Amino acid sequence: MKKLLFCMFGAVLLSACASSPKSVGINAVPDNLTKAITKASRSCTTDADCVAVHKGCCECAGYEAVNVKSAEKIQHIWDKACRMAPCTREMCYVQIVPQCQQGVCVGRPKTMDSYFE
């Protein structure tokens, strides 16, 4: 009887896992996210035209500066591809301050002291 219950529990668990959203690997950098960032517009006229987007599912993958309108599409891809992504580190010092320089969005690394304010 115990074996039967164990087998039934295993079958239920297996079917639940099969129907759950697709999971990505640890510290994933999905190809579709990378492609969207590569294709993203970086044009700008002011710093407000630029924002930072995740380059991977986890913070330690870093950030890229892109045009704010392109960021909406990238965020949608990130939300869908990375919602179940496991990350191995809690904190990395990889954040950027997006800026517009000569009509192009660029990211300047945040200073170390700004992480502790």
C-alpha atoms as a PDB file:
ATOM      1  CA  MET A   1       0.000   0.000   0.000  1.00  0.00           C
ATOM      2  CA  LYS A   2       2.857   2.396   0.847  1.00  0.00           C
ATOM      3  CA  LYS A   3       4.494   1.706  -2.524  1.00  0.00           C
ATOM      4  CA  LEU A   4       1.231   2.447  -4.318  1.00  0.00           C
ATOM      5  CA  LEU A   5       0.791   5.742  -2.452  1.00  0.00           C
ATOM      6  CA  PHE A   6       4.417   6.671  -3.127  1.00  0.00           C
ATOM      7  CA  CYS A   7       3.992   5.942  -6.851  1.00  0.00           C
ATOM      8  CA  MET A   8       0.777   7.983  -6.989  1.00  0.00           C
ATOM      9  CA  PHE A   9       2.466  10.898  -5.221  1.00  0.00           C
ATOM     10  CA  GLY A  10       5.381  10.705  -7.657  1.00  0.00           C
ATOM     11  CA  ALA A  11       3.035  10.706 -10.649  1.00  0.00           C
ATOM     12  CA  VAL A  12       1.161  13.754  -9.336  1.00  0.00           C
ATOM     13  CA  LEU A  13       4.417  15.574  -8.655  1.00  0.00           C
ATOM     14  CA  LEU A  14       5.779  14.726 -12.093  1.00  0.00           C
ATOM     15  CA  SER A  15       2.643  15.952 -13.851  1.00  0.00           C
ATOM     16  CA  ALA A  16       2.717  19.205 -11.849  1.00  0.00           C
ATOM     17  CA  CYS A  17       6.319  19.809 -12.870  1.00  0.00           C
ATOM     18  CA  ALA A  18       5.543  19.102 -16.502  1.00  0.00           C
ATOM     19  CA  SER A  19       2.744  21.666 -16.569  1.00  0.00           C
ATOM     20  CA  SER A  20       4.644  24.411 -14.731  1.00  0.00           C
ATOM     21  CA  PRO A  21       6.179  27.344 -16.670  1.00  0.00           C
ATOM     22  CA  LYS A  22       9.421  26.580 -18.461  1.00  0.00           C
ATOM     23  CA  SER A  23      12.328  27.026 -16.114  1.00  0.00           C
ATOM     24  CA  VAL A  24      15.680  28.441 -17.138  1.00  0.00           C
ATOM     25  CA  GLY A  25      19.095  27.438 -15.892  1.00  0.00           C
ATOM     26  CA  ILE A  26      20.980  28.963 -12.999  1.00  0.00           C
ATOM     27  CA  ASN A  27      22.254  32.501 -13.774  1.00  0.00           C
ATOM     28  CA  ALA A  28      20.709  32.271 -17.244  1.00  0.00           C
ATOM     29  CA  VAL A  29      21.309  34.715 -20.083  1.00  0.00           C
ATOM     30  CA  PRO A  30      18.511  33.827 -22.546  1.00  0.00           C
ATOM     31  CA  ASP A  31      19.365  34.158 -26.238  1.00  0.00           C
ATOM     32  CA  ASN A  32      16.183  36.099 -27.015  1.00  0.00           C
ATOM     33  CA  LEU A  33      17.088  38.648 -24.321  1.00  0.00           C
ATOM     34  CA  THR A  34      20.608  39.047 -25.721  1.00  0.00           C
ATOM     35  CA  LYS A  35      19.224  39.495 -29.254  1.00  0.00           C
ATOM     36  CA  ALA A  36      16.697  42.104 -28.096  1.00  0.00           C
ATOM     37  CA  ILE A  37      19.419  44.093 -26.338  1.00  0.00           C
ATOM     38  CA  THR A  38      21.687  43.884 -29.394  1.00  0.00           C
ATOM     39  CA  LYS A  39      18.884  45.214 -31.630  1.00  0.00           C
ATOM     40  CA  ALA A  40      17.749  47.889 -29.147  1.00  0.00           C
ATOM     41  CA  SER A  41      17.959  51.549 -30.031  1.00  0.00           C
ATOM     42  CA  ARG A  42      20.550  53.526 -28.129  1.00  0.00           C
ATOM     43  CA  SER A  43      19.705  56.923 -29.624  1.00  0.00           C
ATOM     44  CA  CYS A  44      19.054  59.802 -27.246  1.00  0.00           C
ATOM     45  CA  THR A  45      19.026  63.561 -26.834  1.00  0.00           C
ATOM     46  CA  THR A  46      19.012  63.714 -23.007  1.00  0.00           C
ATOM     47  CA  ASP A  47      19.930  61.428 -20.108  1.00  0.00           C
ATOM     48  CA  ALA A  48      16.197  60.849 -19.527  1.00  0.00           C
ATOM     49  CA  ASP A  49      16.022  59.022 -22.879  1.00  0.00           C
ATOM     50  CA  CYS A  50      18.301  56.264 -21.484  1.00  0.00           C
ATOM     51  CA  VAL A  51      17.616  53.472 -18.995  1.00  0.00           C
ATOM     52  CA  ALA A  52      19.476  50.410 -17.739  1.00  0.00           C
ATOM     53  CA  VAL A  53      18.172  46.929 -18.604  1.00  0.00           C
ATOM     54  CA  HIS A  54      19.232  43.528 -17.278  1.00  0.00           C
ATOM     55  CA  LYS A  55      21.643  41.643 -19.576  1.00  0.00           C
ATOM     56  CA  GLY A  56      20.640  38.319 -18.003  1.00  0.00           C
ATOM     57  CA  CYS A  57      18.131  36.873 -15.577  1.00  0.00           C
ATOM     58  CA  CYS A  58      20.261  37.672 -12.541  1.00  0.00           C
ATOM     59  CA  GLU A  59      21.712  40.953 -11.382  1.00  0.00           C
ATOM     60  CA  CYS A  60      25.275  39.677 -11.649  1.00  0.00           C
ATOM     61  CA  ALA A  61      24.913  39.387 -15.451  1.00  0.00           C
ATOM     62  CA  GLY A  62      25.167  43.168 -15.564  1.00  0.00           C
ATOM     63  CA  TYR A  63      23.227  45.931 -17.250  1.00  0.00           C
ATOM     64  CA  GLU A  64      23.149  47.692 -20.606  1.00  0.00           C
ATOM     65  CA  ALA A  65      22.054  51.271 -21.376  1.00  0.00           C
ATOM     66  CA  VAL A  66      19.343  51.521 -24.054  1.00  0.00           C
ATOM     67  CA  ASN A  67      16.689  53.958 -25.220  1.00  0.00           C
ATOM     68  CA  VAL A  68      13.686  54.044 -22.879  1.00  0.00           C
ATOM     69  CA  LYS A  69      11.278  52.972 -25.666  1.00  0.00           C
ATOM     70  CA  SER A  70      13.390  49.909 -26.485  1.00  0.00           C
ATOM     71  CA  ALA A  71      13.533  49.036 -22.801  1.00  0.00           C
ATOM     72  CA  GLU A  72       9.796  48.305 -22.702  1.00  0.00           C
ATOM     73  CA  LYS A  73      10.174  45.427 -25.175  1.00  0.00           C
ATOM     74  CA  ILE A  74      13.304  44.150 -23.417  1.00  0.00           C
ATOM     75  CA  GLN A  75      11.550  44.230 -20.030  1.00  0.00           C
ATOM     76  CA  HIS A  76       8.659  42.187 -21.474  1.00  0.00           C
ATOM     77  CA  ILE A  77      11.127  39.570 -22.746  1.00  0.00           C
ATOM     78  CA  TRP A  78      12.970  39.583 -19.406  1.00  0.00           C
ATOM     79  CA  ASP A  79       9.722  39.164 -17.455  1.00  0.00           C
ATOM     80  CA  LYS A  80       8.703  36.164 -19.553  1.00  0.00           C
ATOM     81  CA  ALA A  81      12.094  34.444 -19.882  1.00  0.00           C
ATOM     82  CA  CYS A  82      13.392  35.027 -16.371  1.00  0.00           C
ATOM     83  CA  ARG A  83      10.389  34.711 -14.076  1.00  0.00           C
ATOM     84  CA  MET A  84      11.509  31.286 -12.771  1.00  0.00           C
ATOM     85  CA  ALA A  85      15.279  31.846 -13.008  1.00  0.00           C
ATOM     86  CA  PRO A  86      17.399  30.849 -10.030  1.00  0.00           C
ATOM     87  CA  CYS A  87      20.386  33.040  -9.164  1.00  0.00           C
ATOM     88  CA  THR A  88      23.443  31.988  -7.183  1.00  0.00           C
ATOM     89  CA  ARG A  89      24.534  35.406  -5.858  1.00  0.00           C
ATOM     90  CA  GLU A  90      22.533  38.018  -4.006  1.00  0.00           C
ATOM     91  CA  MET A  91      24.621  41.096  -4.741  1.00  0.00           C
ATOM     92  CA  CYS A  92      27.033  42.117  -7.455  1.00  0.00           C
ATOM     93  CA  TYR A  93      28.523  45.529  -8.039  1.00  0.00           C
ATOM     94  CA  VAL A  94      27.520  45.792 -11.701  1.00  0.00           C
ATOM     95  CA  GLN A  95      24.859  48.511 -11.762  1.00  0.00           C
ATOM     96  CA  ILE A  96      25.228  51.422 -14.157  1.00  0.00           C
ATOM     97  CA  VAL A  97      24.079  55.003 -14.417  1.00  0.00           C
ATOM     98  CA  PRO A  98      22.612  55.458 -17.909  1.00  0.00           C
ATOM     99  CA  GLN A  99      23.638  58.653 -19.686  1.00  0.00           C
ATOM    100  CA  CYS A 100      23.293  60.220 -23.119  1.00  0.00           C
ATOM    101  CA  GLN A 101      26.695  60.983 -24.629  1.00  0.00           C
ATOM    102  CA  GLN A 102      26.902  62.408 -28.130  1.00  0.00           C
ATOM    103  CA  GLY A 103      23.447  61.041 -29.015  1.00  0.00           C
ATOM    104  CA  VAL A 104      24.094  57.494 -27.751  1.00  0.00           C
ATOM    105  CA  CYS A 105      22.956  55.830 -24.507  1.00  0.00           C
ATOM    106  CA  VAL A 106      25.924  54.596 -22.495  1.00  0.00           C
ATOM    107  CA  GLY A 107      26.276  53.230 -18.997  1.00  0.00           C
ATOM    108  CA  ARG A 108      28.754  54.569 -16.482  1.00  0.00           C
ATOM    109  CA  PRO A 109      29.477  52.134 -13.607  1.00  0.00           C
ATOM    110  CA  LYS A 110      27.975  53.218 -10.287  1.00  0.00           C
ATOM    111  CA  THR A 111      30.543  54.256  -7.726  1.00  0.00           C
ATOM    112  CA  MET A 112      31.114  51.789  -4.884  1.00  0.00           C
ATOM    113  CA  ASP A 113      29.988  54.246  -2.206  1.00  0.00           C
ATOM    114  CA  SER A 114      26.587  54.650  -3.931  1.00  0.00           C
ATOM    115  CA  TYR A 115      25.768  51.008  -3.112  1.00  0.00           C
ATOM    116  CA  PHE A 116      25.872  51.776   0.603  1.00  0.00           C
ATOM    117  CA  GLU A 117      23.835  54.990   0.755  1.00  0.00           C
END
